[in-house]
Amino acid sequence: MDGTLLFGFYNLFLSIWFTNSADRAIAWSANQDRPVHKSGSKHAAADHAELMDSGNLVVKDQGGVIPWQSFDHPTNTLLPMQPVTTTAKAGID
């Protein structure tokens, strides 16, 4: 990770934001209509999560398979390496 983006909880939302932005501009946030403090959060069969240099937050299982990634669920900002797709997938459960 090159330090351009940070990942964590920001204003009660699981988020990715720009490190050097004066107003901490949000690049992505989970469940904007259902913050995790209200409904909880889980990832079935997930071993770990990793924030890639591209800004994509990926959840991987023990075999390295990615069952979920933030690039499939755009919210606030499209990042330079993020593909634009025609179908929206379900958010984090």
PDB file of N, CA and C in Angstrom:
ATOM      1  N   MET A   1       0.852  -1.176   0.000  1.00  0.00           N
ATOM      2  CA  MET A   1       0.000   0.000   0.000  1.00  0.00           C
ATOM      3  C   MET A   1       0.889   1.227   0.000  1.00  0.00           C
ATOM      4  N   ASP A   2       0.613   2.153  -0.872  1.00  0.00           N
ATOM      5  CA  ASP A   2       1.484   3.324  -1.009  1.00  0.00           C
ATOM      6  C   ASP A   2       1.093   4.489  -0.097  1.00  0.00           C
ATOM      7  N   GLY A   3       0.063   4.355   0.703  1.00  0.00           N
ATOM      8  CA  GLY A   3      -0.322   5.392   1.657  1.00  0.00           C
ATOM      9  C   GLY A   3      -1.262   6.444   1.121  1.00  0.00           C
ATOM     10  N   THR A   4      -1.682   6.333  -0.139  1.00  0.00           N
ATOM     11  CA  THR A   4      -2.612   7.300  -0.721  1.00  0.00           C
ATOM     12  C   THR A   4      -3.995   7.175  -0.103  1.00  0.00           C
ATOM     13  N   LEU A   5      -4.388   5.951   0.228  1.00  0.00           N
ATOM     14  CA  LEU A   5      -5.715   5.683   0.782  1.00  0.00           C
ATOM     15  C   LEU A   5      -5.606   4.999   2.132  1.00  0.00           C
ATOM     16  N   LEU A   6      -6.587   5.243   2.992  1.00  0.00           N
ATOM     17  CA  LEU A   6      -6.693   4.580   4.288  1.00  0.00           C
ATOM     18  C   LEU A   6      -8.018   3.844   4.355  1.00  0.00           C
ATOM     19  N   PHE A   7      -8.066   2.808   5.185  1.00  0.00           N
ATOM     20  CA  PHE A   7      -9.261   1.992   5.364  1.00  0.00           C
ATOM     21  C   PHE A   7      -9.562   1.898   6.845  1.00  0.00           C
ATOM     22  N   GLY A   8     -10.831   2.063   7.204  1.00  0.00           N
ATOM     23  CA  GLY A   8     -11.242   1.940   8.596  1.00  0.00           C
ATOM     24  C   GLY A   8     -12.644   2.478   8.775  1.00  0.00           C
ATOM     25  N   PHE A   9     -12.998   2.784  10.023  1.00  0.00           N
ATOM     26  CA  PHE A   9     -14.306   3.364  10.296  1.00  0.00           C
ATOM     27  C   PHE A   9     -14.186   4.881  10.276  1.00  0.00           C
ATOM     28  N   TYR A  10     -15.028   5.521   9.489  1.00  0.00           N
ATOM     29  CA  TYR A  10     -15.049   6.974   9.373  1.00  0.00           C
ATOM     30  C   TYR A  10     -16.501   7.424   9.465  1.00  0.00           C
ATOM     31  N   ASN A  11     -16.830   8.207  10.478  1.00  0.00           N
ATOM     32  CA  ASN A  11     -18.218   8.649  10.714  1.00  0.00           C
ATOM     33  C   ASN A  11     -19.182   7.467  10.752  1.00  0.00           C
ATOM     34  N   LEU A  12     -18.818   6.421  11.471  1.00  0.00           N
ATOM     35  CA  LEU A  12     -19.618   5.219  11.685  1.00  0.00           C
ATOM     36  C   LEU A  12     -19.775   4.334  10.453  1.00  0.00           C
ATOM     37  N   PHE A  13     -19.074   4.636   9.379  1.00  0.00           N
ATOM     38  CA  PHE A  13     -19.133   3.820   8.172  1.00  0.00           C
ATOM     39  C   PHE A  13     -17.783   3.163   7.928  1.00  0.00           C
ATOM     40  N   LEU A  14     -17.790   1.899   7.531  1.00  0.00           N
ATOM     41  CA  LEU A  14     -16.582   1.237   7.074  1.00  0.00           C
ATOM     42  C   LEU A  14     -16.233   1.899   5.752  1.00  0.00           C
ATOM     43  N   SER A  15     -15.057   2.536   5.676  1.00  0.00           N
ATOM     44  CA  SER A  15     -14.759   3.406   4.542  1.00  0.00           C
ATOM     45  C   SER A  15     -13.317   3.309   4.076  1.00  0.00           C
ATOM     46  N   ILE A  16     -13.100   3.797   2.865  1.00  0.00           N
ATOM     47  CA  ILE A  16     -11.776   4.039   2.312  1.00  0.00           C
ATOM     48  C   ILE A  16     -11.748   5.527   1.981  1.00  0.00           C
ATOM     49  N   TRP A  17     -10.719   6.245   2.456  1.00  0.00           N
ATOM     50  CA  TRP A  17     -10.635   7.672   2.196  1.00  0.00           C
ATOM     51  C   TRP A  17      -9.220   8.054   1.783  1.00  0.00           C
ATOM     52  N   PHE A  18      -9.110   9.218   1.122  1.00  0.00           N
ATOM     53  CA  PHE A  18      -7.826   9.721   0.647  1.00  0.00           C
ATOM     54  C   PHE A  18      -7.047  10.313   1.818  1.00  0.00           C
ATOM     55  N   THR A  19      -5.829   9.849   2.020  1.00  0.00           N
ATOM     56  CA  THR A  19      -4.990  10.247   3.142  1.00  0.00           C
ATOM     57  C   THR A  19      -4.683  11.732   3.150  1.00  0.00           C
ATOM     58  N   ASN A  20      -4.307  12.290   2.009  1.00  0.00           N
ATOM     59  CA  ASN A  20      -3.839  13.673   1.945  1.00  0.00           C
ATOM     60  C   ASN A  20      -4.913  14.676   1.573  1.00  0.00           C
ATOM     61  N   SER A  21      -6.153  14.281   1.565  1.00  0.00           N
ATOM     62  CA  SER A  21      -7.251  15.184   1.241  1.00  0.00           C
ATOM     63  C   SER A  21      -7.572  16.039   2.464  1.00  0.00           C
ATOM     64  N   ALA A  22      -7.694  17.346   2.276  1.00  0.00           N
ATOM     65  CA  ALA A  22      -7.969  18.258   3.394  1.00  0.00           C
ATOM     66  C   ALA A  22      -9.268  17.898   4.118  1.00  0.00           C
ATOM     67  N   ASP A  23     -10.268  17.449   3.361  1.00  0.00           N
ATOM     68  CA  ASP A  23     -11.552  17.109   3.978  1.00  0.00           C
ATOM     69  C   ASP A  23     -11.758  15.605   4.099  1.00  0.00           C
ATOM     70  N   ARG A  24     -10.669  14.822   3.969  1.00  0.00           N
ATOM     71  CA  ARG A  24     -10.737  13.356   4.030  1.00  0.00           C
ATOM     72  C   ARG A  24     -11.804  12.817   3.078  1.00  0.00           C
ATOM     73  N   ALA A  25     -11.676  13.164   1.826  1.00  0.00           N
ATOM     74  CA  ALA A  25     -12.645  12.748   0.814  1.00  0.00           C
ATOM     75  C   ALA A  25     -12.774  11.226   0.792  1.00  0.00           C
ATOM     76  N   ILE A  26     -14.007  10.759   0.866  1.00  0.00           N
ATOM     77  CA  ILE A  26     -14.310   9.336   0.884  1.00  0.00           C
ATOM     78  C   ILE A  26     -14.265   8.783  -0.534  1.00  0.00           C
ATOM     79  N   ALA A  27     -13.519   7.684  -0.722  1.00  0.00           N
ATOM     80  CA  ALA A  27     -13.484   7.002  -2.006  1.00  0.00           C
ATOM     81  C   ALA A  27     -14.549   5.917  -2.074  1.00  0.00           C
ATOM     82  N   TRP A  28     -14.820   5.259  -0.925  1.00  0.00           N
ATOM     83  CA  TRP A  28     -15.801   4.178  -0.869  1.00  0.00           C
ATOM     84  C   TRP A  28     -16.271   4.027   0.574  1.00  0.00           C
ATOM     85  N   SER A  29     -17.537   3.693   0.746  1.00  0.00           N
ATOM     86  CA  SER A  29     -18.047   3.375   2.082  1.00  0.00           C
ATOM     87  C   SER A  29     -19.114   2.294   1.974  1.00  0.00           C
ATOM     88  N   ALA A  30     -19.150   1.441   2.980  1.00  0.00           N
ATOM     89  CA  ALA A  30     -20.058   0.290   2.980  1.00  0.00           C
ATOM     90  C   ALA A  30     -21.440   0.677   3.472  1.00  0.00           C
ATOM     91  N   ASN A  31     -22.435   0.086   2.867  1.00  0.00           N
ATOM     92  CA  ASN A  31     -23.815   0.164   3.356  1.00  0.00           C
ATOM     93  C   ASN A  31     -24.229   1.563   3.766  1.00  0.00           C
ATOM     94  N   GLN A  32     -24.181   2.492   2.845  1.00  0.00           N
ATOM     95  CA  GLN A  32     -24.529   3.871   3.182  1.00  0.00           C
ATOM     96  C   GLN A  32     -25.951   4.010   3.708  1.00  0.00           C
ATOM     97  N   ASP A  33     -26.850   3.149   3.265  1.00  0.00           N
ATOM     98  CA  ASP A  33     -28.226   3.191   3.750  1.00  0.00           C
ATOM     99  C   ASP A  33     -28.426   2.377   5.018  1.00  0.00           C
ATOM    100  N   ARG A  34     -27.462   1.493   5.323  1.00  0.00           N
ATOM    101  CA  ARG A  34     -27.535   0.638   6.504  1.00  0.00           C
ATOM    102  C   ARG A  34     -26.163   0.576   7.182  1.00  0.00           C
ATOM    103  N   PRO A  35     -25.773   1.611   7.954  1.00  0.00           N
ATOM    104  CA  PRO A  35     -24.460   1.587   8.599  1.00  0.00           C
ATOM    105  C   PRO A  35     -24.283   0.339   9.446  1.00  0.00           C
ATOM    106  N   VAL A  36     -23.026  -0.144   9.534  1.00  0.00           N
ATOM    107  CA  VAL A  36     -22.759  -1.391  10.241  1.00  0.00           C
ATOM    108  C   VAL A  36     -23.077  -1.327  11.725  1.00  0.00           C
ATOM    109  N   HIS A  37     -23.120  -0.140  12.316  1.00  0.00           N
ATOM    110  CA  HIS A  37     -23.440  -0.065  13.741  1.00  0.00           C
ATOM    111  C   HIS A  37     -24.902  -0.400  14.015  1.00  0.00           C
ATOM    112  N   LYS A  38     -25.735  -0.384  12.982  1.00  0.00           N
ATOM    113  CA  LYS A  38     -27.146  -0.716  13.166  1.00  0.00           C
ATOM    114  C   LYS A  38     -27.450  -2.187  12.890  1.00  0.00           C
ATOM    115  N   SER A  39     -26.793  -2.778  11.888  1.00  0.00           N
ATOM    116  CA  SER A  39     -27.190  -4.116  11.472  1.00  0.00           C
ATOM    117  C   SER A  39     -26.099  -5.171  11.607  1.00  0.00           C
ATOM    118  N   GLY A  40     -24.891  -4.791  11.944  1.00  0.00           N
ATOM    119  CA  GLY A  40     -23.804  -5.751  12.035  1.00  0.00           C
ATOM    120  C   GLY A  40     -23.218  -6.028  10.659  1.00  0.00           C
ATOM    121  N   SER A  41     -22.107  -6.754  10.623  1.00  0.00           N
ATOM    122  CA  SER A  41     -21.432  -7.051   9.370  1.00  0.00           C
ATOM    123  C   SER A  41     -20.765  -8.408   9.469  1.00  0.00           C
ATOM    124  N   LYS A  42     -20.738  -9.137   8.360  1.00  0.00           N
ATOM    125  CA  LYS A  42     -20.100 -10.443   8.354  1.00  0.00           C
ATOM    126  C   LYS A  42     -19.632 -10.781   6.951  1.00  0.00           C
ATOM    127  N   HIS A  43     -18.620 -11.636   6.869  1.00  0.00           N
ATOM    128  CA  HIS A  43     -18.150 -12.182   5.592  1.00  0.00           C
ATOM    129  C   HIS A  43     -17.999 -13.667   5.787  1.00  0.00           C
ATOM    130  N   ALA A  44     -18.844 -14.464   5.176  1.00  0.00           N
ATOM    131  CA  ALA A  44     -18.760 -15.918   5.284  1.00  0.00           C
ATOM    132  C   ALA A  44     -17.507 -16.420   4.569  1.00  0.00           C
ATOM    133  N   ALA A  45     -16.802 -17.341   5.190  1.00  0.00           N
ATOM    134  CA  ALA A  45     -15.631 -18.015   4.634  1.00  0.00           C
ATOM    135  C   ALA A  45     -14.501 -17.057   4.262  1.00  0.00           C
ATOM    136  N   ALA A  46     -14.422 -15.905   4.903  1.00  0.00           N
ATOM    137  CA  ALA A  46     -13.356 -14.956   4.619  1.00  0.00           C
ATOM    138  C   ALA A  46     -12.187 -15.189   5.563  1.00  0.00           C
ATOM    139  N   ASP A  47     -10.991 -15.177   4.999  1.00  0.00           N
ATOM    140  CA  ASP A  47      -9.787 -15.344   5.797  1.00  0.00           C
ATOM    141  C   ASP A  47      -9.204 -13.998   6.184  1.00  0.00           C
ATOM    142  N   HIS A  48      -9.188 -13.065   5.231  1.00  0.00           N
ATOM    143  CA  HIS A  48      -8.671 -11.729   5.519  1.00  0.00           C
ATOM    144  C   HIS A  48      -9.115 -10.731   4.456  1.00  0.00           C
ATOM    145  N   ALA A  49      -8.951  -9.458   4.782  1.00  0.00           N
ATOM    146  CA  ALA A  49      -9.246  -8.381   3.841  1.00  0.00           C
ATOM    147  C   ALA A  49      -7.956  -7.616   3.581  1.00  0.00           C
ATOM    148  N   GLU A  50      -7.843  -7.078   2.368  1.00  0.00           N
ATOM    149  CA  GLU A  50      -6.632  -6.356   1.993  1.00  0.00           C
ATOM    150  C   GLU A  50      -7.010  -5.146   1.136  1.00  0.00           C
ATOM    151  N   LEU A  51      -6.465  -3.988   1.477  1.00  0.00           N
ATOM    152  CA  LEU A  51      -6.659  -2.794   0.664  1.00  0.00           C
ATOM    153  C   LEU A  51      -5.518  -2.735  -0.346  1.00  0.00           C
ATOM    154  N   MET A  52      -5.856  -2.878  -1.617  1.00  0.00           N
ATOM    155  CA  MET A  52      -4.857  -2.900  -2.684  1.00  0.00           C
ATOM    156  C   MET A  52      -4.420  -1.468  -3.017  1.00  0.00           C
ATOM    157  N   ASP A  53      -3.258  -1.309  -3.663  1.00  0.00           N
ATOM    158  CA  ASP A  53      -2.786   0.013  -4.077  1.00  0.00           C
ATOM    159  C   ASP A  53      -3.786   0.714  -4.989  1.00  0.00           C
ATOM    160  N   SER A  54      -4.588  -0.047  -5.700  1.00  0.00           N
ATOM    161  CA  SER A  54      -5.601   0.510  -6.599  1.00  0.00           C
ATOM    162  C   SER A  54      -6.762   1.150  -5.853  1.00  0.00           C
ATOM    163  N   GLY A  55      -6.863   0.870  -4.536  1.00  0.00           N
ATOM    164  CA  GLY A  55      -7.994   1.345  -3.751  1.00  0.00           C
ATOM    165  C   GLY A  55      -9.090   0.311  -3.629  1.00  0.00           C
ATOM    166  N   ASN A  56      -8.904  -0.852  -4.209  1.00  0.00           N
ATOM    167  CA  ASN A  56      -9.881  -1.935  -4.150  1.00  0.00           C
ATOM    168  C   ASN A  56      -9.694  -2.690  -2.830  1.00  0.00           C
ATOM    169  N   LEU A  57     -10.730  -2.760  -2.034  1.00  0.00           N
ATOM    170  CA  LEU A  57     -10.721  -3.557  -0.812  1.00  0.00           C
ATOM    171  C   LEU A  57     -11.187  -4.951  -1.194  1.00  0.00           C
ATOM    172  N   VAL A  58     -10.312  -5.947  -1.013  1.00  0.00           N
ATOM    173  CA  VAL A  58     -10.662  -7.311  -1.379  1.00  0.00           C
ATOM    174  C   VAL A  58     -10.732  -8.187  -0.140  1.00  0.00           C
ATOM    175  N   VAL A  59     -11.712  -9.075  -0.129  1.00  0.00           N
ATOM    176  CA  VAL A  59     -11.853 -10.081   0.924  1.00  0.00           C
ATOM    177  C   VAL A  59     -11.443 -11.404   0.293  1.00  0.00           C
ATOM    178  N   LYS A  60     -10.499 -12.094   0.936  1.00  0.00           N
ATOM    179  CA  LYS A  60      -9.987 -13.348   0.379  1.00  0.00           C
ATOM    180  C   LYS A  60     -10.246 -14.497   1.342  1.00  0.00           C
ATOM    181  N   ASP A  61     -10.445 -15.694   0.767  1.00  0.00           N
ATOM    182  CA  ASP A  61     -10.549 -16.889   1.599  1.00  0.00           C
ATOM    183  C   ASP A  61      -9.159 -17.511   1.727  1.00  0.00           C
ATOM    184  N   GLN A  62      -9.055 -18.644   2.397  1.00  0.00           N
ATOM    185  CA  GLN A  62      -7.751 -19.267   2.627  1.00  0.00           C
ATOM    186  C   GLN A  62      -7.043 -19.673   1.345  1.00  0.00           C
ATOM    187  N   GLY A  63      -7.785 -19.939   0.297  1.00  0.00           N
ATOM    188  CA  GLY A  63      -7.204 -20.317  -0.982  1.00  0.00           C
ATOM    189  C   GLY A  63      -6.843 -19.134  -1.867  1.00  0.00           C
ATOM    190  N   GLY A  64      -7.068 -17.919  -1.383  1.00  0.00           N
ATOM    191  CA  GLY A  64      -6.773 -16.725  -2.167  1.00  0.00           C
ATOM    192  C   GLY A  64      -7.884 -16.300  -3.104  1.00  0.00           C
ATOM    193  N   VAL A  65      -9.021 -17.002  -3.061  1.00  0.00           N
ATOM    194  CA  VAL A  65     -10.181 -16.646  -3.884  1.00  0.00           C
ATOM    195  C   VAL A  65     -10.819 -15.378  -3.303  1.00  0.00           C
ATOM    196  N   ILE A  66     -11.257 -14.483  -4.172  1.00  0.00           N
ATOM    197  CA  ILE A  66     -11.873 -13.220  -3.750  1.00  0.00           C
ATOM    198  C   ILE A  66     -13.397 -13.326  -3.902  1.00  0.00           C
ATOM    199  N   PRO A  67     -14.119 -13.628  -2.797  1.00  0.00           N
ATOM    200  CA  PRO A  67     -15.571 -13.719  -2.888  1.00  0.00           C
ATOM    201  C   PRO A  67     -16.263 -12.348  -2.911  1.00  0.00           C
ATOM    202  N   TRP A  68     -15.520 -11.288  -2.520  1.00  0.00           N
ATOM    203  CA  TRP A  68     -16.105  -9.947  -2.470  1.00  0.00           C
ATOM    204  C   TRP A  68     -14.997  -8.923  -2.656  1.00  0.00           C
ATOM    205  N   GLN A  69     -15.316  -7.829  -3.392  1.00  0.00           N
ATOM    206  CA  GLN A  69     -14.386  -6.715  -3.531  1.00  0.00           C
ATOM    207  C   GLN A  69     -15.163  -5.414  -3.694  1.00  0.00           C
ATOM    208  N   SER A  70     -14.594  -4.348  -3.169  1.00  0.00           N
ATOM    209  CA  SER A  70     -15.287  -3.059  -3.190  1.00  0.00           C
ATOM    210  C   SER A  70     -15.481  -2.520  -4.601  1.00  0.00           C
ATOM    211  N   PHE A  71     -14.600  -2.861  -5.547  1.00  0.00           N
ATOM    212  CA  PHE A  71     -14.764  -2.387  -6.919  1.00  0.00           C
ATOM    213  C   PHE A  71     -16.068  -2.885  -7.539  1.00  0.00           C
ATOM    214  N   ASP A  72     -16.636  -3.962  -7.015  1.00  0.00           N
ATOM    215  CA  ASP A  72     -17.923  -4.459  -7.515  1.00  0.00           C
ATOM    216  C   ASP A  72     -19.096  -3.675  -6.939  1.00  0.00           C
ATOM    217  N   HIS A  73     -18.822  -2.789  -5.990  1.00  0.00           N
ATOM    218  CA  HIS A  73     -19.868  -2.038  -5.291  1.00  0.00           C
ATOM    219  C   HIS A  73     -19.485  -0.570  -5.182  1.00  0.00           C
ATOM    220  N   PRO A  74     -19.387   0.148  -6.303  1.00  0.00           N
ATOM    221  CA  PRO A  74     -18.960   1.542  -6.250  1.00  0.00           C
ATOM    222  C   PRO A  74     -19.957   2.396  -5.467  1.00  0.00           C
ATOM    223  N   THR A  75     -19.421   3.362  -4.733  1.00  0.00           N
ATOM    224  CA  THR A  75     -20.287   4.255  -3.968  1.00  0.00           C
ATOM    225  C   THR A  75     -19.949   5.714  -4.232  1.00  0.00           C
ATOM    226  N   ASN A  76     -18.878   6.223  -3.664  1.00  0.00           N
ATOM    227  CA  ASN A  76     -18.600   7.651  -3.692  1.00  0.00           C
ATOM    228  C   ASN A  76     -17.779   8.124  -4.891  1.00  0.00           C
ATOM    229  N   THR A  77     -16.743   7.366  -5.254  1.00  0.00           N
ATOM    230  CA  THR A  77     -15.781   7.808  -6.257  1.00  0.00           C
ATOM    231  C   THR A  77     -15.318   6.638  -7.101  1.00  0.00           C
ATOM    232  N   LEU A  78     -15.209   6.842  -8.415  1.00  0.00           N
ATOM    233  CA  LEU A  78     -14.573   5.845  -9.269  1.00  0.00           C
ATOM    234  C   LEU A  78     -13.079   6.137  -9.256  1.00  0.00           C
ATOM    235  N   LEU A  79     -12.277   5.124  -8.963  1.00  0.00           N
ATOM    236  CA  LEU A  79     -10.832   5.276  -8.896  1.00  0.00           C
ATOM    237  C   LEU A  79     -10.204   4.937 -10.234  1.00  0.00           C
ATOM    238  N   PRO A  80      -8.963   5.409 -10.503  1.00  0.00           N
ATOM    239  CA  PRO A  80      -8.354   5.238 -11.825  1.00  0.00           C
ATOM    240  C   PRO A  80      -8.305   3.803 -12.353  1.00  0.00           C
ATOM    241  N   MET A  81      -8.066   2.821 -11.512  1.00  0.00           N
ATOM    242  CA  MET A  81      -7.962   1.434 -11.971  1.00  0.00           C
ATOM    243  C   MET A  81      -9.280   0.668 -11.852  1.00  0.00           C
ATOM    244  N   GLN A  82     -10.339   1.321 -11.426  1.00  0.00           N
ATOM    245  CA  GLN A  82     -11.617   0.657 -11.195  1.00  0.00           C
ATOM    246  C   GLN A  82     -12.407   0.509 -12.486  1.00  0.00           C
ATOM    247  N   PRO A  83     -12.828  -0.723 -12.804  1.00  0.00           N
ATOM    248  CA  PRO A  83     -13.634  -0.908 -14.007  1.00  0.00           C
ATOM    249  C   PRO A  83     -15.051  -0.373 -13.809  1.00  0.00           C
ATOM    250  N   VAL A  84     -15.638   0.100 -14.889  1.00  0.00           N
ATOM    251  CA  VAL A  84     -17.019   0.539 -14.857  1.00  0.00           C
ATOM    252  C   VAL A  84     -17.862  -0.609 -15.406  1.00  0.00           C
ATOM    253  N   THR A  85     -18.781  -1.128 -14.584  1.00  0.00           N
ATOM    254  CA  THR A  85     -19.591  -2.257 -15.001  1.00  0.00           C
ATOM    255  C   THR A  85     -21.055  -1.857 -15.128  1.00  0.00           C
ATOM    256  N   THR A  86     -21.825  -2.686 -15.816  1.00  0.00           N
ATOM    257  CA  THR A  86     -23.226  -2.359 -16.054  1.00  0.00           C
ATOM    258  C   THR A  86     -24.171  -2.962 -15.034  1.00  0.00           C
ATOM    259  N   THR A  87     -23.676  -3.873 -14.200  1.00  0.00           N
ATOM    260  CA  THR A  87     -24.545  -4.482 -13.210  1.00  0.00           C
ATOM    261  C   THR A  87     -24.041  -4.199 -11.820  1.00  0.00           C
ATOM    262  N   ALA A  88     -24.956  -3.881 -10.927  1.00  0.00           N
ATOM    263  CA  ALA A  88     -24.607  -3.654  -9.528  1.00  0.00           C
ATOM    264  C   ALA A  88     -24.795  -4.943  -8.763  1.00  0.00           C
ATOM    265  N   LYS A  89     -23.877  -5.241  -7.877  1.00  0.00           N
ATOM    266  CA  LYS A  89     -23.979  -6.439  -7.036  1.00  0.00           C
ATOM    267  C   LYS A  89     -24.442  -6.021  -5.646  1.00  0.00           C
ATOM    268  N   ALA A  90     -24.879  -6.990  -4.859  1.00  0.00           N
ATOM    269  CA  ALA A  90     -25.363  -6.707  -3.514  1.00  0.00           C
ATOM    270  C   ALA A  90     -24.235  -6.180  -2.654  1.00  0.00           C
ATOM    271  N   GLY A  91     -24.561  -5.356  -1.646  1.00  0.00           N
ATOM    272  CA  GLY A  91     -23.573  -4.789  -0.734  1.00  0.00           C
ATOM    273  C   GLY A  91     -23.102  -5.779   0.304  1.00  0.00           C
ATOM    274  N   ILE A  92     -22.303  -5.296   1.216  1.00  0.00           N
ATOM    275  CA  ILE A  92     -21.802  -6.140   2.309  1.00  0.00           C
ATOM    276  C   ILE A  92     -22.975  -6.543   3.180  1.00  0.00           C
ATOM    277  N   ASP A  93     -23.018  -7.791   3.595  1.00  0.00           N
ATOM    278  CA  ASP A  93     -24.096  -8.272   4.468  1.00  0.00           C
ATOM    279  C   ASP A  93     -23.772  -7.996   5.912  1.00  0.00           C
TER     280      ASP A  93
END
